[in-house]
Amino acid sequence: MASRLLRRCLLAALSAALVGAAAVGPAQAGTDAPAAAAVTTFSDTFDGPAGSAVDGAKWTLETGDNVNNHERQYYTSGTKNAALDGQGHLVITARKENPAGYQCWYGSCQYTSARLNTAGKFTAQYGHVEARMKIPRGQGMWPAFWMLGTPVNWPDSGEIDVMENVGFEPSAVHGTIHGPGYSGSGGIGAGYTLPNGQAFADAFHTFAVDWAPDSITWSVDGNVYQRRTPADLGGKTWVFNKPFFLILNLAVGGYWPGDPDGSTQFPQQLLVDSVSVTTSGSAAGVPIRGLAGKCVDVAGANSANGTPVQLYDCNGTGAQTWTAGPDGTLRALGKCLDVTGNGTADGTAVQLWDCTGGPNQKWTVTGAHDIVNPQANKCLDVTGNNSANGTRLQIWTCSGGANQKWTLG
């Protein structure tokens, strides 16, 4: 329990440091906080006595079966299939049993489980959405952390699958979007596989999306494995610029995972350590203003890897809309502010690049209004103190000059 609390404290401290709430960078200290701050708009760490129910102010327990996917479970209310364990976890339990008095569409239900959602209680629109979980193991298991658009009119209202696992793939998880013309087996997504044959059931892992206007980026334990934008839809409609609610569930059987077999042991459990949604200042991000009141800008609003990051007149576009991730990154257009080539020398240019979790993408925004790359111990700098549009940004030894001062918001 102590290590778990320490991890949460460190994450909170990191989020605060990112946006300068009493933050101290490696080069300078300051006292004034920037205009924007990381905001956790939803959080549940599932603390409570063993056997107690989830927080009803945050979650609703659904009941019934799922006809469309040919699943074999019946979702129940109460604490038999969804309860706290007294150690800071939600435990969703799938049991091999017939729910009393209920006949499923495909014959007698043989399993019970639980599905929770935040509909009518919380919706998200953009931000860092994550859950730290330990998934079950076994043929026929189908745990998921996902979101549905409101009002629900699937598939037109949209679905974002942050994480799905099917039991016959113990080392892999999937992230997918569904919408009009790209639903069900036609969903658009990708998978992430653990190295060296590790299984997701062996340990807790963090599954997340970074969701911005017109982009969604998936990661596992901070490792980005795909990014989707309207360009990936082949002309079909992007339906992800609106509110979605959260869902946690453990399904049994279905068209995709197949039914349990003789190798599947019951009960099976999905352990959820935490769920959170974090934004920076506003759901859509904020500008970063510097020399001559101009903004940090992605050249040409081009999201390709290696696109220069420059100074430019502030215009309110996505190329100048930045979010502070809880992993220490600054993000625009679904990608990260990156020090080229992992360099640390004065004059190394910064660029836009896929988020990798590397030290060249970590930044601290100090109270003195410096943006510092801790690996290089250098500041984000306007080359040559030149305020002309298109001036390239770089890292340079922190000097306190106006070309190194930035305000978020």
Protein backbone atom coordinates (compact mmCIF):
# COMPACT_ATOMS: atom_id res chain seq x y z
CA MET A 1 0.00 0.00 0.00
CA ALA A 2 2.82 2.40 0.84
CA SER A 3 4.48 1.98 -2.55
CA ARG A 4 1.13 2.54 -4.26
CA LEU A 5 0.58 5.80 -2.40
CA LEU A 6 4.13 6.90 -3.18
CA ARG A 7 3.57 6.26 -6.90
CA ARG A 8 0.44 8.42 -6.84
CA CYS A 9 2.24 11.21 -5.00
CA LEU A 10 5.08 11.18 -7.54
CA LEU A 11 2.61 11.34 -10.44
CA ALA A 12 0.84 14.27 -8.85
CA ALA A 13 4.16 16.03 -8.26
CA LEU A 14 5.22 15.45 -11.84
CA SER A 15 1.95 16.83 -13.22
CA ALA A 16 2.36 19.93 -11.07
CA ALA A 17 5.99 20.39 -12.14
CA LEU A 18 5.00 20.19 -15.80
CA VAL A 19 2.84 23.24 -15.62
CA GLY A 20 4.83 25.19 -13.07
CA ALA A 21 2.65 24.97 -10.00
CA ALA A 22 5.43 25.81 -7.56
CA ALA A 23 7.83 23.95 -9.84
CA VAL A 24 11.58 24.21 -9.82
CA GLY A 25 13.58 23.43 -12.94
CA PRO A 26 17.14 22.17 -12.89
CA ALA A 27 18.49 25.58 -13.83
CA GLN A 28 16.28 28.21 -12.18
CA ALA A 29 13.68 28.47 -9.48
CA GLY A 30 10.67 30.75 -9.42
CA THR A 31 7.59 31.64 -7.47
CA ASP A 32 5.00 32.68 -10.06
CA ALA A 33 2.94 29.91 -11.62
CA PRO A 34 2.10 30.05 -15.34
CA ALA A 35 -1.46 30.68 -16.40
CA ALA A 36 -2.39 27.05 -17.13
CA ALA A 37 -2.33 24.09 -14.79
CA ALA A 38 -2.83 20.36 -15.15
CA VAL A 39 -6.41 19.57 -14.16
CA THR A 40 -7.58 16.09 -13.17
CA THR A 41 -11.22 16.18 -14.19
CA PHE A 42 -11.96 12.58 -13.14
CA SER A 43 -10.15 10.27 -10.76
CA ASP A 44 -10.96 7.08 -8.91
CA THR A 45 -8.34 5.18 -6.92
CA PHE A 46 -10.85 2.70 -5.48
CA ASP A 47 -9.94 3.18 -1.85
CA GLY A 48 -12.41 1.73 0.63
CA PRO A 49 -13.17 -1.27 2.81
CA ALA A 50 -12.92 -4.75 1.33
CA GLY A 51 -16.22 -5.88 -0.15
CA SER A 52 -17.67 -2.39 -0.48
CA ALA A 53 -19.34 -1.10 -3.62
CA VAL A 54 -17.83 1.32 -6.09
CA ASP A 55 -18.57 5.02 -5.70
CA GLY A 56 -22.12 5.44 -6.98
CA ALA A 57 -21.49 9.12 -7.63
CA LYS A 58 -18.97 8.11 -10.30
CA TRP A 59 -20.09 4.74 -11.65
CA THR A 60 -23.28 2.93 -12.68
CA LEU A 61 -23.41 -0.88 -12.74
CA GLU A 62 -25.15 -2.12 -15.88
CA THR A 63 -27.23 -5.30 -15.89
CA GLY A 64 -28.08 -7.76 -18.65
CA ASP A 65 -26.31 -9.64 -21.41
CA ASN A 66 -24.85 -8.47 -24.71
CA VAL A 67 -26.77 -9.86 -27.66
CA ASN A 68 -24.78 -8.19 -30.42
CA ASN A 69 -21.40 -9.73 -29.57
CA HIS A 70 -22.77 -13.21 -28.71
CA GLU A 71 -21.20 -12.91 -25.24
CA ARG A 72 -21.94 -15.53 -22.57
CA GLN A 73 -22.03 -13.48 -19.37
CA TYR A 74 -24.84 -11.74 -17.53
CA TYR A 75 -23.85 -8.42 -15.94
CA THR A 76 -25.08 -8.08 -12.36
CA SER A 77 -25.52 -5.23 -9.91
CA GLY A 78 -24.35 -5.29 -6.31
CA THR A 79 -20.96 -6.38 -5.01
CA LYS A 80 -20.77 -10.03 -6.02
CA ASN A 81 -19.13 -9.23 -9.35
CA ALA A 82 -17.74 -5.73 -8.71
CA ALA A 83 -16.31 -4.69 -5.34
CA LEU A 84 -13.34 -3.01 -3.72
CA ASP A 85 -10.68 -5.29 -2.23
CA GLY A 86 -9.57 -3.01 0.61
CA GLN A 87 -6.13 -2.61 -0.99
CA GLY A 88 -6.99 0.19 -3.38
CA HIS A 89 -8.36 -1.89 -6.25
CA LEU A 90 -11.66 -2.44 -7.96
CA VAL A 91 -12.08 -6.17 -8.61
CA ILE A 92 -14.39 -7.17 -11.46
CA THR A 93 -15.00 -10.92 -11.11
CA ALA A 94 -16.31 -13.28 -13.76
CA ARG A 95 -17.86 -16.41 -12.23
CA LYS A 96 -19.04 -19.63 -13.81
CA GLU A 97 -22.63 -19.74 -12.58
CA ASN A 98 -26.17 -19.33 -13.84
CA PRO A 99 -27.75 -16.02 -12.84
CA ALA A 100 -30.93 -16.82 -10.98
CA GLY A 101 -34.11 -16.44 -13.00
CA TYR A 102 -32.54 -15.23 -16.22
CA GLN A 103 -32.32 -16.89 -19.63
CA CYS A 104 -29.79 -15.39 -22.07
CA TRP A 105 -30.55 -14.93 -25.73
CA TYR A 106 -28.24 -17.83 -26.56
CA GLY A 107 -29.53 -20.26 -23.96
CA SER A 108 -28.89 -20.37 -20.23
CA CYS A 109 -26.19 -17.95 -19.13
CA GLN A 110 -23.27 -19.83 -17.66
CA TYR A 111 -21.34 -16.85 -16.30
CA THR A 112 -21.84 -13.64 -14.33
CA SER A 113 -19.63 -10.55 -14.48
CA ALA A 114 -19.79 -6.74 -14.22
CA ARG A 115 -19.78 -3.69 -16.48
CA LEU A 116 -19.49 -0.15 -15.09
CA ASN A 117 -19.93 3.18 -16.85
CA THR A 118 -19.91 6.90 -16.06
CA ALA A 119 -22.91 7.81 -18.28
CA GLY A 120 -24.88 10.66 -16.79
CA LYS A 121 -22.18 11.23 -14.17
CA PHE A 122 -19.03 12.13 -16.13
CA THR A 123 -18.06 12.67 -19.75
CA ALA A 124 -14.67 13.51 -21.19
CA GLN A 125 -13.82 15.57 -24.25
CA TYR A 126 -10.08 15.52 -24.89
CA GLY A 127 -7.25 15.00 -22.43
CA HIS A 128 -5.13 12.14 -21.11
CA VAL A 129 -7.41 9.20 -20.32
CA GLU A 130 -5.82 6.26 -18.51
CA ALA A 131 -6.45 3.20 -16.38
CA ARG A 132 -3.89 1.12 -14.50
CA MET A 133 -5.05 -2.48 -14.53
CA LYS A 134 -4.07 -6.12 -14.21
CA ILE A 135 -6.06 -8.19 -16.67
CA PRO A 136 -7.27 -11.79 -16.27
CA ARG A 137 -5.84 -14.84 -18.00
CA GLY A 138 -7.68 -17.51 -19.96
CA GLN A 139 -9.41 -18.50 -23.16
CA GLY A 140 -12.69 -16.64 -23.63
CA MET A 141 -11.80 -13.68 -21.38
CA TRP A 142 -12.44 -10.21 -22.85
CA PRO A 143 -11.52 -7.32 -20.50
CA ALA A 144 -11.86 -3.76 -21.80
CA PHE A 145 -11.47 -0.08 -20.92
CA TRP A 146 -13.33 2.03 -23.45
CA MET A 147 -15.59 5.02 -24.18
CA LEU A 148 -18.87 5.67 -25.98
CA GLY A 149 -19.99 8.95 -27.53
CA THR A 150 -23.10 10.70 -26.30
CA PRO A 151 -25.95 10.44 -26.96
CA VAL A 152 -25.39 6.76 -27.75
CA ASN A 153 -26.44 5.78 -31.27
CA TRP A 154 -23.79 3.21 -32.09
CA PRO A 155 -21.84 3.21 -34.32
CA ASP A 156 -22.66 6.74 -35.50
CA SER A 157 -21.99 8.20 -32.06
CA GLY A 158 -18.52 6.64 -31.92
CA GLU A 159 -16.51 4.31 -29.72
CA ILE A 160 -12.92 4.64 -28.47
CA ASP A 161 -11.38 1.42 -27.20
CA VAL A 162 -8.47 2.40 -24.98
CA MET A 163 -7.64 -1.24 -24.24
CA GLU A 164 -9.10 -4.61 -25.19
CA ASN A 165 -7.57 -8.02 -24.65
CA VAL A 166 -8.76 -11.41 -25.83
CA GLY A 167 -7.61 -14.37 -23.78
CA PHE A 168 -5.96 -16.27 -26.61
CA GLU A 169 -3.48 -13.35 -26.96
CA PRO A 170 -1.98 -13.09 -23.45
CA SER A 171 0.85 -10.77 -24.56
CA ALA A 172 -1.20 -8.37 -26.71
CA VAL A 173 -3.75 -5.60 -26.28
CA HIS A 174 -5.64 -3.59 -28.89
CA GLY A 175 -6.72 0.05 -29.29
CA THR A 176 -9.47 0.83 -31.80
CA ILE A 177 -11.93 3.49 -32.95
CA HIS A 178 -15.39 2.68 -34.31
CA GLY A 179 -17.73 5.02 -36.13
CA PRO A 180 -20.09 5.25 -39.10
CA GLY A 181 -18.74 2.97 -41.82
CA TYR A 182 -15.85 1.63 -39.73
CA SER A 183 -17.43 -0.37 -36.90
CA GLY A 184 -17.22 -3.92 -35.61
CA SER A 185 -14.57 -5.89 -37.45
CA GLY A 186 -14.07 -2.81 -39.64
CA GLY A 187 -12.84 -0.71 -36.71
CA ILE A 188 -9.58 1.17 -37.21
CA GLY A 189 -6.80 0.36 -34.76
CA ALA A 190 -3.62 -1.48 -33.90
CA GLY A 191 -2.18 -3.80 -31.30
CA TYR A 192 0.65 -3.59 -28.79
CA THR A 193 2.65 -6.66 -27.75
CA LEU A 194 4.81 -7.02 -24.65
CA PRO A 195 8.41 -8.09 -25.31
CA ASN A 196 9.94 -11.47 -24.49
CA GLY A 197 6.65 -13.33 -24.23
CA GLN A 198 5.49 -11.48 -21.11
CA ALA A 199 1.77 -11.73 -20.33
CA PHE A 200 -0.39 -8.76 -19.37
CA ALA A 201 -1.94 -10.91 -16.64
CA ASP A 202 1.41 -11.08 -14.80
CA ALA A 203 1.52 -7.42 -13.63
CA PHE A 204 -0.28 -4.08 -13.59
CA HIS A 205 0.04 -1.96 -16.74
CA THR A 206 -1.12 1.54 -17.63
CA PHE A 207 -3.33 1.86 -20.71
CA ALA A 208 -3.95 5.37 -22.03
CA VAL A 209 -5.02 7.61 -24.86
CA ASP A 210 -3.99 11.21 -25.42
CA TRP A 211 -7.02 12.71 -27.08
CA ALA A 212 -6.95 16.08 -28.82
CA PRO A 213 -9.07 17.71 -31.52
CA ASP A 214 -8.75 15.49 -34.61
CA SER A 215 -6.22 13.07 -33.09
CA ILE A 216 -6.11 10.13 -30.67
CA THR A 217 -2.81 8.57 -29.57
CA TRP A 218 -2.58 5.22 -27.72
CA SER A 219 0.10 4.10 -25.28
CA VAL A 220 0.92 1.25 -22.92
CA ASP A 221 3.11 2.12 -19.92
CA GLY A 222 4.01 5.37 -21.70
CA ASN A 223 5.02 3.61 -24.94
CA VAL A 224 3.10 5.09 -27.86
CA TYR A 225 2.04 2.51 -30.44
CA GLN A 226 -0.46 4.26 -32.72
CA ARG A 227 -2.04 7.61 -33.58
CA ARG A 228 -5.25 8.12 -35.52
CA THR A 229 -6.56 11.26 -37.27
CA PRO A 230 -9.35 11.96 -39.77
CA ALA A 231 -6.84 11.18 -42.53
CA ASP A 232 -6.97 7.50 -41.49
CA LEU A 233 -10.69 7.17 -42.21
CA GLY A 234 -10.59 7.22 -46.01
CA GLY A 235 -13.19 9.98 -46.23
CA LYS A 236 -15.50 8.57 -43.55
CA THR A 237 -16.76 10.81 -40.74
CA TRP A 238 -14.60 11.55 -37.69
CA VAL A 239 -16.98 11.57 -34.69
CA PHE A 240 -14.51 12.07 -31.83
CA ASN A 241 -14.69 15.82 -31.20
CA LYS A 242 -17.47 15.58 -28.61
CA PRO A 243 -18.10 14.15 -25.11
CA PHE A 244 -17.66 10.43 -24.36
CA PHE A 245 -18.27 8.48 -21.15
CA LEU A 246 -16.02 5.78 -19.65
CA ILE A 247 -16.67 2.02 -19.44
CA LEU A 248 -14.91 -0.83 -17.61
CA ASN A 249 -16.02 -4.42 -18.12
CA LEU A 250 -15.01 -8.06 -18.18
CA ALA A 251 -16.91 -10.01 -20.85
CA VAL A 252 -16.90 -13.79 -21.21
CA GLY A 253 -17.03 -15.28 -24.69
CA GLY A 254 -18.19 -13.59 -27.86
CA TYR A 255 -17.41 -13.67 -31.55
CA TRP A 256 -13.89 -12.27 -31.13
CA PRO A 257 -12.46 -14.10 -28.08
CA GLY A 258 -14.46 -17.31 -28.53
CA ASP A 259 -15.96 -19.24 -25.64
CA PRO A 260 -14.06 -20.45 -22.57
CA ASP A 261 -12.84 -24.02 -22.79
CA GLY A 262 -11.53 -26.69 -20.44
CA SER A 263 -8.32 -24.72 -19.89
CA THR A 264 -10.15 -21.66 -18.50
CA GLN A 265 -10.23 -21.47 -14.73
CA PHE A 266 -12.90 -19.56 -12.82
CA PRO A 267 -13.35 -17.19 -11.14
CA GLN A 268 -11.41 -14.71 -13.30
CA GLN A 269 -10.61 -11.17 -12.14
CA LEU A 270 -9.88 -7.80 -13.70
CA LEU A 271 -8.08 -5.63 -11.12
CA VAL A 272 -8.33 -1.86 -11.62
CA ASP A 273 -5.89 0.23 -9.59
CA SER A 274 -6.92 3.67 -10.87
CA VAL A 275 -8.80 5.53 -13.59
CA SER A 276 -8.19 9.18 -14.40
CA VAL A 277 -8.79 11.88 -16.98
CA THR A 278 -6.32 14.77 -16.99
CA THR A 279 -6.36 17.90 -19.13
CA SER A 280 -4.12 20.95 -19.24
CA GLY A 281 -5.82 24.20 -18.43
CA SER A 282 -8.60 23.62 -20.94
CA ALA A 283 -9.86 20.53 -22.68
CA ALA A 284 -8.40 21.63 -26.00
CA GLY A 285 -4.99 22.74 -24.64
CA VAL A 286 -3.38 26.17 -24.47
CA PRO A 287 -0.94 28.34 -26.44
CA ILE A 288 2.64 28.84 -25.25
CA ARG A 289 3.56 32.53 -25.63
CA GLY A 290 7.09 33.89 -25.72
CA LEU A 291 9.27 36.56 -27.32
CA ALA A 292 7.31 39.55 -28.69
CA GLY A 293 4.07 37.88 -27.57
CA LYS A 294 4.36 35.26 -30.30
CA CYS A 295 3.56 31.57 -29.95
CA VAL A 296 5.30 28.19 -30.10
CA ASP A 297 4.10 26.88 -33.46
CA VAL A 298 4.38 23.66 -35.49
CA ALA A 299 5.47 24.83 -38.95
CA GLY A 300 2.70 24.57 -41.49
CA ALA A 301 0.47 22.72 -38.98
CA ASN A 302 2.25 19.62 -40.34
CA SER A 303 2.11 16.62 -38.02
CA ALA A 304 4.86 14.70 -39.84
CA ASN A 305 7.83 13.57 -37.76
CA GLY A 306 10.65 16.11 -37.92
CA THR A 307 8.47 19.16 -38.58
CA PRO A 308 10.26 22.26 -37.21
CA VAL A 309 8.86 23.99 -34.14
CA GLN A 310 9.13 27.75 -34.51
CA LEU A 311 8.02 31.17 -33.27
CA TYR A 312 4.99 32.61 -35.05
CA ASP A 313 2.14 35.09 -34.62
CA CYS A 314 -0.46 33.55 -32.32
CA ASN A 315 -3.46 32.35 -34.35
CA GLY A 316 -5.33 29.88 -32.13
CA THR A 317 -4.88 26.89 -34.44
CA GLY A 318 -4.07 23.31 -33.44
CA ALA A 319 -0.47 23.94 -34.45
CA GLN A 320 -0.24 26.26 -31.42
CA THR A 321 -2.43 24.29 -29.02
CA TRP A 322 -0.31 22.45 -26.45
CA THR A 323 -1.22 20.05 -23.67
CA ALA A 324 1.00 19.04 -20.75
CA GLY A 325 0.99 15.27 -20.37
CA PRO A 326 1.42 13.63 -16.95
CA ASP A 327 4.52 11.89 -18.37
CA GLY A 328 6.44 15.16 -18.69
CA THR A 329 5.67 15.83 -22.36
CA LEU A 330 4.34 18.87 -24.19
CA ARG A 331 2.04 17.81 -27.04
CA ALA A 332 0.46 19.31 -30.13
CA LEU A 333 -1.26 17.68 -33.09
CA GLY A 334 -1.06 14.38 -31.19
CA LYS A 335 2.76 14.38 -31.10
CA CYS A 336 5.51 15.58 -28.76
CA LEU A 337 7.92 18.50 -28.50
CA ASP A 338 11.22 16.72 -29.16
CA VAL A 339 14.92 17.65 -28.98
CA THR A 340 16.33 16.52 -32.31
CA GLY A 341 18.54 13.45 -32.20
CA ASN A 342 18.38 13.24 -28.41
CA GLY A 343 20.92 16.07 -28.41
CA THR A 344 22.06 18.05 -25.39
CA ALA A 345 24.35 20.65 -27.01
CA ASP A 346 23.56 24.36 -27.25
CA GLY A 347 21.79 25.05 -30.53
CA THR A 348 20.11 21.66 -30.91
CA ALA A 349 16.84 22.31 -32.72
CA VAL A 350 13.47 21.16 -31.43
CA GLN A 351 10.88 19.46 -33.60
CA LEU A 352 7.60 17.54 -33.56
CA TRP A 353 7.92 13.77 -33.25
CA ASP A 354 5.95 10.68 -32.23
CA CYS A 355 5.80 10.47 -28.45
CA THR A 356 8.36 7.87 -27.36
CA GLY A 357 8.77 8.48 -23.63
CA GLY A 358 12.43 9.40 -24.20
CA PRO A 359 14.30 11.99 -22.10
CA ASN A 360 14.53 14.31 -25.11
CA GLN A 361 10.75 14.75 -24.85
CA LYS A 362 10.61 15.58 -21.14
CA TRP A 363 10.08 19.20 -20.09
CA THR A 364 9.68 21.13 -16.86
CA VAL A 365 7.86 24.48 -16.89
CA THR A 366 9.29 26.45 -13.99
CA GLY A 367 7.78 29.23 -11.93
CA ALA A 368 10.37 31.53 -13.54
CA HIS A 369 8.68 30.85 -16.90
CA ASP A 370 11.50 28.73 -18.32
CA ILE A 371 10.75 25.51 -20.22
CA VAL A 372 13.64 23.20 -19.36
CA ASN A 373 14.72 19.88 -20.85
CA PRO A 374 16.14 18.15 -17.72
CA GLN A 375 18.35 15.73 -19.67
CA ALA A 376 20.27 18.61 -21.28
CA ASN A 377 19.69 21.00 -18.37
CA LYS A 378 18.96 23.63 -21.04
CA CYS A 379 16.08 25.96 -21.86
CA LEU A 380 13.70 26.22 -24.79
CA ASP A 381 15.18 29.18 -26.69
CA VAL A 382 14.32 31.41 -29.66
CA THR A 383 17.37 31.25 -31.94
CA GLY A 384 19.31 34.50 -32.04
CA ASN A 385 16.73 36.35 -29.94
CA ASN A 386 14.96 36.92 -33.27
CA SER A 387 11.21 37.58 -33.04
CA ALA A 388 10.55 37.18 -36.77
CA ASN A 389 7.89 34.68 -37.81
CA GLY A 390 9.44 31.32 -38.60
CA THR A 391 12.43 31.61 -36.29
CA ARG A 392 13.41 28.10 -35.26
CA LEU A 393 13.31 27.10 -31.60
CA GLN A 394 16.22 25.27 -29.99
CA ILE A 395 17.69 24.40 -26.59
CA TRP A 396 20.37 26.62 -25.07
CA THR A 397 22.05 27.14 -21.72
CA CYS A 398 19.52 28.93 -19.50
CA SER A 399 20.39 32.63 -19.33
CA GLY A 400 17.23 34.35 -18.15
CA GLY A 401 16.84 36.21 -21.43
CA ALA A 402 13.50 37.19 -22.94
CA ASN A 403 14.02 34.64 -25.71
CA GLN A 404 13.76 31.89 -23.05
CA LYS A 405 10.66 33.11 -21.20
CA TRP A 406 7.30 31.44 -21.85
CA THR A 407 3.75 31.71 -20.56
CA LEU A 408 1.15 28.96 -20.89
CA GLY A 409 -2.31 30.23 -21.70
